[in-house]
């Protein structure tokens, strides 16, 4: 349930700032994707007890929520240019990651052709009864002992 002016959502009696309604659908989808990945990283880092990874994941949650307009300066107090600058800055940081890390690939993108793919690791693969290569975790590998690219069917 939300407020009449659309600025707030109320869940279990608690008020939460609504996302900026001016966000283009593709921008909203990218920010929500980053938010989901960051929240997952927070859970994983917390379970692992990795303080540095937890801090980095929480920073990514903050970036995504700020880009959505749920944190930081209220979107209704910003003009159109400031709102656009807010989400563009968040996406630039989230798509690129910290300066000391390589950029994260966007969903659906393949690695650049000049970036070598990891080679086969025969010591981690074994042939199943039908001759299909399986990794140490039982995942199907391609004929060359390497996982096929995302989006391609395995073993076929």
C-alpha atoms as a PDB file:
ATOM      1  CA  UNK A   1       0.000   0.000   0.000  1.00  0.00           C
ATOM      2  CA  UNK A   2       1.338   3.432  -0.837  1.00  0.00           C
ATOM      3  CA  UNK A   3       0.725   7.020   0.080  1.00  0.00           C
ATOM      4  CA  UNK A   4      -1.610   9.108  -2.052  1.00  0.00           C
ATOM      5  CA  UNK A   5       1.236  11.205  -3.414  1.00  0.00           C
ATOM      6  CA  UNK A   6       3.207   8.082  -4.457  1.00  0.00           C
ATOM      7  CA  UNK A   7       6.268   9.002  -2.405  1.00  0.00           C
ATOM      8  CA  UNK A   8       5.977   6.289   0.222  1.00  0.00           C
ATOM      9  CA  UNK A   9       5.104   2.618   0.552  1.00  0.00           C
ATOM     10  CA  UNK A  10       3.730   1.286   3.812  1.00  0.00           C
ATOM     11  CA  UNK A  11       4.519  -2.327   4.635  1.00  0.00           C
ATOM     12  CA  UNK A  12       3.549  -3.825   8.010  1.00  0.00           C
ATOM     13  CA  UNK A  13       3.065  -0.334   9.403  1.00  0.00           C
ATOM     14  CA  UNK A  14       6.532   0.792   8.322  1.00  0.00           C
ATOM     15  CA  UNK A  15       7.024   3.591   5.802  1.00  0.00           C
ATOM     16  CA  UNK A  16       9.531   3.119   2.957  1.00  0.00           C
ATOM     17  CA  UNK A  17      10.476   5.627   0.270  1.00  0.00           C
ATOM     18  CA  UNK A  18       9.134   4.613  -3.141  1.00  0.00           C
ATOM     19  CA  UNK A  19      11.430   4.351  -6.157  1.00  0.00           C
ATOM     20  CA  UNK A  20      11.560   7.295  -8.536  1.00  0.00           C
ATOM     21  CA  UNK A  21       8.600   6.952 -10.939  1.00  0.00           C
ATOM     22  CA  UNK A  22      10.540   8.847 -13.634  1.00  0.00           C
ATOM     23  CA  UNK A  23      13.040   5.998 -14.045  1.00  0.00           C
ATOM     24  CA  UNK A  24      12.951   4.535 -17.559  1.00  0.00           C
ATOM     25  CA  UNK A  25      11.989   0.842 -17.525  1.00  0.00           C
ATOM     26  CA  UNK A  26      15.402  -0.341 -18.737  1.00  0.00           C
ATOM     27  CA  UNK A  27      17.199   1.721 -16.083  1.00  0.00           C
ATOM     28  CA  UNK A  28      14.862   0.428 -13.357  1.00  0.00           C
ATOM     29  CA  UNK A  29      15.458  -3.161 -14.505  1.00  0.00           C
ATOM     30  CA  UNK A  30      19.263  -2.752 -14.449  1.00  0.00           C
ATOM     31  CA  UNK A  31      19.215  -1.137 -11.002  1.00  0.00           C
ATOM     32  CA  UNK A  32      16.914  -3.849  -9.632  1.00  0.00           C
ATOM     33  CA  UNK A  33      19.231  -6.504 -11.081  1.00  0.00           C
ATOM     34  CA  UNK A  34      22.225  -4.895  -9.352  1.00  0.00           C
ATOM     35  CA  UNK A  35      20.228  -4.627  -6.128  1.00  0.00           C
ATOM     36  CA  UNK A  36      19.346  -8.332  -6.193  1.00  0.00           C
ATOM     37  CA  UNK A  37      22.930  -9.377  -6.906  1.00  0.00           C
ATOM     38  CA  UNK A  38      24.225  -7.101  -4.139  1.00  0.00           C
ATOM     39  CA  UNK A  39      21.701  -8.403  -1.604  1.00  0.00           C
ATOM     40  CA  UNK A  40      22.734 -11.948  -2.460  1.00  0.00           C
ATOM     41  CA  UNK A  41      26.381 -10.976  -1.947  1.00  0.00           C
ATOM     42  CA  UNK A  42      25.502  -9.503   1.468  1.00  0.00           C
ATOM     43  CA  UNK A  43      23.951 -12.829   2.501  1.00  0.00           C
ATOM     44  CA  UNK A  44      26.892 -14.865   1.196  1.00  0.00           C
ATOM     45  CA  UNK A  45      29.521 -12.633   2.789  1.00  0.00           C
ATOM     46  CA  UNK A  46      27.648 -12.657   6.091  1.00  0.00           C
ATOM     47  CA  UNK A  47      27.482 -16.455   6.116  1.00  0.00           C
ATOM     48  CA  UNK A  48      31.172 -16.667   5.250  1.00  0.00           C
ATOM     49  CA  UNK A  49      32.126 -14.121   7.922  1.00  0.00           C
ATOM     50  CA  UNK A  50      34.031 -12.058   5.337  1.00  0.00           C
ATOM     51  CA  UNK A  51      33.918  -8.488   6.668  1.00  0.00           C
ATOM     52  CA  UNK A  52      35.551  -6.882   3.620  1.00  0.00           C
ATOM     53  CA  UNK A  53      33.188  -8.609   1.174  1.00  0.00           C
ATOM     54  CA  UNK A  54      30.232  -7.707   3.404  1.00  0.00           C
ATOM     55  CA  UNK A  55      31.198  -4.024   3.395  1.00  0.00           C
ATOM     56  CA  UNK A  56      31.661  -4.042  -0.397  1.00  0.00           C
ATOM     57  CA  UNK A  57      28.304  -5.753  -0.946  1.00  0.00           C
ATOM     58  CA  UNK A  58      26.517  -3.308   1.362  1.00  0.00           C
ATOM     59  CA  UNK A  59      28.081  -0.423  -0.561  1.00  0.00           C
ATOM     60  CA  UNK A  60      26.647  -1.887  -3.794  1.00  0.00           C
ATOM     61  CA  UNK A  61      23.189  -2.146  -2.155  1.00  0.00           C
ATOM     62  CA  UNK A  62      23.506   1.522  -1.176  1.00  0.00           C
ATOM     63  CA  UNK A  63      24.466   2.490  -4.743  1.00  0.00           C
ATOM     64  CA  UNK A  64      21.538   0.604  -6.258  1.00  0.00           C
ATOM     65  CA  UNK A  65      18.997   1.997  -3.790  1.00  0.00           C
ATOM     66  CA  UNK A  66      20.358   5.517  -4.284  1.00  0.00           C
ATOM     67  CA  UNK A  67      20.069   5.082  -8.057  1.00  0.00           C
ATOM     68  CA  UNK A  68      16.460   3.950  -7.619  1.00  0.00           C
ATOM     69  CA  UNK A  69      15.784   7.088  -5.558  1.00  0.00           C
ATOM     70  CA  UNK A  70      15.036   5.112  -2.387  1.00  0.00           C
ATOM     71  CA  UNK A  71      17.999   6.651  -0.528  1.00  0.00           C
ATOM     72  CA  UNK A  72      19.877   9.923  -0.668  1.00  0.00           C
ATOM     73  CA  UNK A  73      18.192  13.161  -1.658  1.00  0.00           C
ATOM     74  CA  UNK A  74      14.473  12.591  -2.122  1.00  0.00           C
ATOM     75  CA  UNK A  75      13.621  12.332  -5.823  1.00  0.00           C
ATOM     76  CA  UNK A  76      10.709  14.765  -5.460  1.00  0.00           C
ATOM     77  CA  UNK A  77      13.198  17.428  -4.266  1.00  0.00           C
ATOM     78  CA  UNK A  78      15.369  17.030  -7.394  1.00  0.00           C
ATOM     79  CA  UNK A  79      14.860  18.510 -10.840  1.00  0.00           C
ATOM     80  CA  UNK A  80      14.853  16.201 -13.882  1.00  0.00           C
ATOM     81  CA  UNK A  81      18.573  16.737 -14.602  1.00  0.00           C
ATOM     82  CA  UNK A  82      19.566  15.874 -11.009  1.00  0.00           C
ATOM     83  CA  UNK A  83      17.385  12.769 -11.044  1.00  0.00           C
ATOM     84  CA  UNK A  84      18.959  11.585 -14.293  1.00  0.00           C
ATOM     85  CA  UNK A  85      22.460  12.346 -12.968  1.00  0.00           C
ATOM     86  CA  UNK A  86      21.648  10.291  -9.836  1.00  0.00           C
ATOM     87  CA  UNK A  87      20.699   7.122 -11.691  1.00  0.00           C
ATOM     88  CA  UNK A  88      23.439   7.510 -14.314  1.00  0.00           C
ATOM     89  CA  UNK A  89      26.105   7.854 -11.597  1.00  0.00           C
ATOM     90  CA  UNK A  90      24.772   4.781  -9.804  1.00  0.00           C
ATOM     91  CA  UNK A  91      24.752   2.690 -12.984  1.00  0.00           C
ATOM     92  CA  UNK A  92      28.243   3.850 -13.941  1.00  0.00           C
ATOM     93  CA  UNK A  93      29.557   2.775 -10.550  1.00  0.00           C
ATOM     94  CA  UNK A  94      27.602  -0.501 -10.503  1.00  0.00           C
ATOM     95  CA  UNK A  95      28.385  -1.497 -14.089  1.00  0.00           C
ATOM     96  CA  UNK A  96      32.049  -0.607 -13.719  1.00  0.00           C
ATOM     97  CA  UNK A  97      32.596  -1.658 -10.140  1.00  0.00           C
ATOM     98  CA  UNK A  98      35.400  -0.303  -7.979  1.00  0.00           C
ATOM     99  CA  UNK A  99      38.371   1.168  -9.822  1.00  0.00           C
ATOM    100  CA  UNK A 100      40.647  -1.682  -8.735  1.00  0.00           C
ATOM    101  CA  UNK A 101      38.383  -4.396 -10.187  1.00  0.00           C
ATOM    102  CA  UNK A 102      37.679  -5.201 -13.847  1.00  0.00           C
ATOM    103  CA  UNK A 103      34.209  -4.144 -15.032  1.00  0.00           C
ATOM    104  CA  UNK A 104      31.419  -6.630 -14.364  1.00  0.00           C
ATOM    105  CA  UNK A 105      29.880  -8.047 -17.538  1.00  0.00           C
ATOM    106  CA  UNK A 106      26.321  -6.964 -18.145  1.00  0.00           C
ATOM    107  CA  UNK A 107      23.719  -9.717 -18.349  1.00  0.00           C
ATOM    108  CA  UNK A 108      23.567 -11.276 -21.819  1.00  0.00           C
ATOM    109  CA  UNK A 109      26.963  -9.978 -22.915  1.00  0.00           C
ATOM    110  CA  UNK A 110      29.765 -12.280 -23.953  1.00  0.00           C
ATOM    111  CA  UNK A 111      33.389 -11.653 -22.998  1.00  0.00           C
ATOM    112  CA  UNK A 112      35.426  -9.597 -25.437  1.00  0.00           C
ATOM    113  CA  UNK A 113      36.972 -11.755 -28.196  1.00  0.00           C
ATOM    114  CA  UNK A 114      40.539 -10.812 -27.200  1.00  0.00           C
ATOM    115  CA  UNK A 115      39.991 -12.044 -23.637  1.00  0.00           C
ATOM    116  CA  UNK A 116      41.115 -15.682 -23.469  1.00  0.00           C
ATOM    117  CA  UNK A 117      38.704 -18.193 -22.023  1.00  0.00           C
ATOM    118  CA  UNK A 118      40.083 -20.514 -19.396  1.00  0.00           C
ATOM    119  CA  UNK A 119      41.442 -23.702 -20.865  1.00  0.00           C
ATOM    120  CA  UNK A 120      40.324 -27.232 -20.091  1.00  0.00           C
ATOM    121  CA  UNK A 121      41.170 -28.661 -16.705  1.00  0.00           C
ATOM    122  CA  UNK A 122      41.240 -32.388 -17.324  1.00  0.00           C
ATOM    123  CA  UNK A 123      42.180 -33.065 -13.713  1.00  0.00           C
ATOM    124  CA  UNK A 124      38.759 -31.728 -12.694  1.00  0.00           C
ATOM    125  CA  UNK A 125      36.756 -33.555 -15.366  1.00  0.00           C
ATOM    126  CA  UNK A 126      35.709 -37.172 -15.621  1.00  0.00           C
ATOM    127  CA  UNK A 127      33.770 -38.986 -18.283  1.00  0.00           C
ATOM    128  CA  UNK A 128      30.342 -40.209 -17.319  1.00  0.00           C
ATOM    129  CA  UNK A 129      29.086 -43.628 -18.394  1.00  0.00           C
ATOM    130  CA  UNK A 130      27.967 -42.187 -21.726  1.00  0.00           C
ATOM    131  CA  UNK A 131      31.314 -40.445 -22.343  1.00  0.00           C
ATOM    132  CA  UNK A 132      30.032 -36.961 -21.452  1.00  0.00           C
ATOM    133  CA  UNK A 133      32.539 -34.879 -19.502  1.00  0.00           C
ATOM    134  CA  UNK A 134      31.457 -33.877 -16.013  1.00  0.00           C
ATOM    135  CA  UNK A 135      33.215 -31.328 -13.806  1.00  0.00           C
ATOM    136  CA  UNK A 136      34.139 -32.154 -10.232  1.00  0.00           C
ATOM    137  CA  UNK A 137      30.721 -30.871  -9.131  1.00  0.00           C
ATOM    138  CA  UNK A 138      28.888 -33.031 -11.687  1.00  0.00           C
ATOM    139  CA  UNK A 139      28.149 -30.135 -14.099  1.00  0.00           C
ATOM    140  CA  UNK A 140      28.240 -31.000 -17.795  1.00  0.00           C
ATOM    141  CA  UNK A 141      31.300 -29.673 -19.614  1.00  0.00           C
ATOM    142  CA  UNK A 142      31.795 -29.069 -23.309  1.00  0.00           C
ATOM    143  CA  UNK A 143      33.804 -31.477 -25.457  1.00  0.00           C
ATOM    144  CA  UNK A 144      36.979 -29.484 -24.716  1.00  0.00           C
ATOM    145  CA  UNK A 145      36.523 -29.758 -20.936  1.00  0.00           C
ATOM    146  CA  UNK A 146      35.311 -26.159 -20.582  1.00  0.00           C
ATOM    147  CA  UNK A 147      31.867 -24.964 -19.538  1.00  0.00           C
ATOM    148  CA  UNK A 148      29.947 -23.792 -22.584  1.00  0.00           C
ATOM    149  CA  UNK A 149      29.142 -20.050 -22.772  1.00  0.00           C
ATOM    150  CA  UNK A 150      26.060 -18.900 -20.872  1.00  0.00           C
ATOM    151  CA  UNK A 151      22.887 -19.238 -22.870  1.00  0.00           C
ATOM    152  CA  UNK A 152      24.085 -22.223 -24.872  1.00  0.00           C
ATOM    153  CA  UNK A 153      22.705 -25.691 -24.150  1.00  0.00           C
ATOM    154  CA  UNK A 154      25.161 -28.091 -22.594  1.00  0.00           C
ATOM    155  CA  UNK A 155      26.042 -31.454 -24.031  1.00  0.00           C
ATOM    156  CA  UNK A 156      24.102 -30.921 -27.166  1.00  0.00           C
END
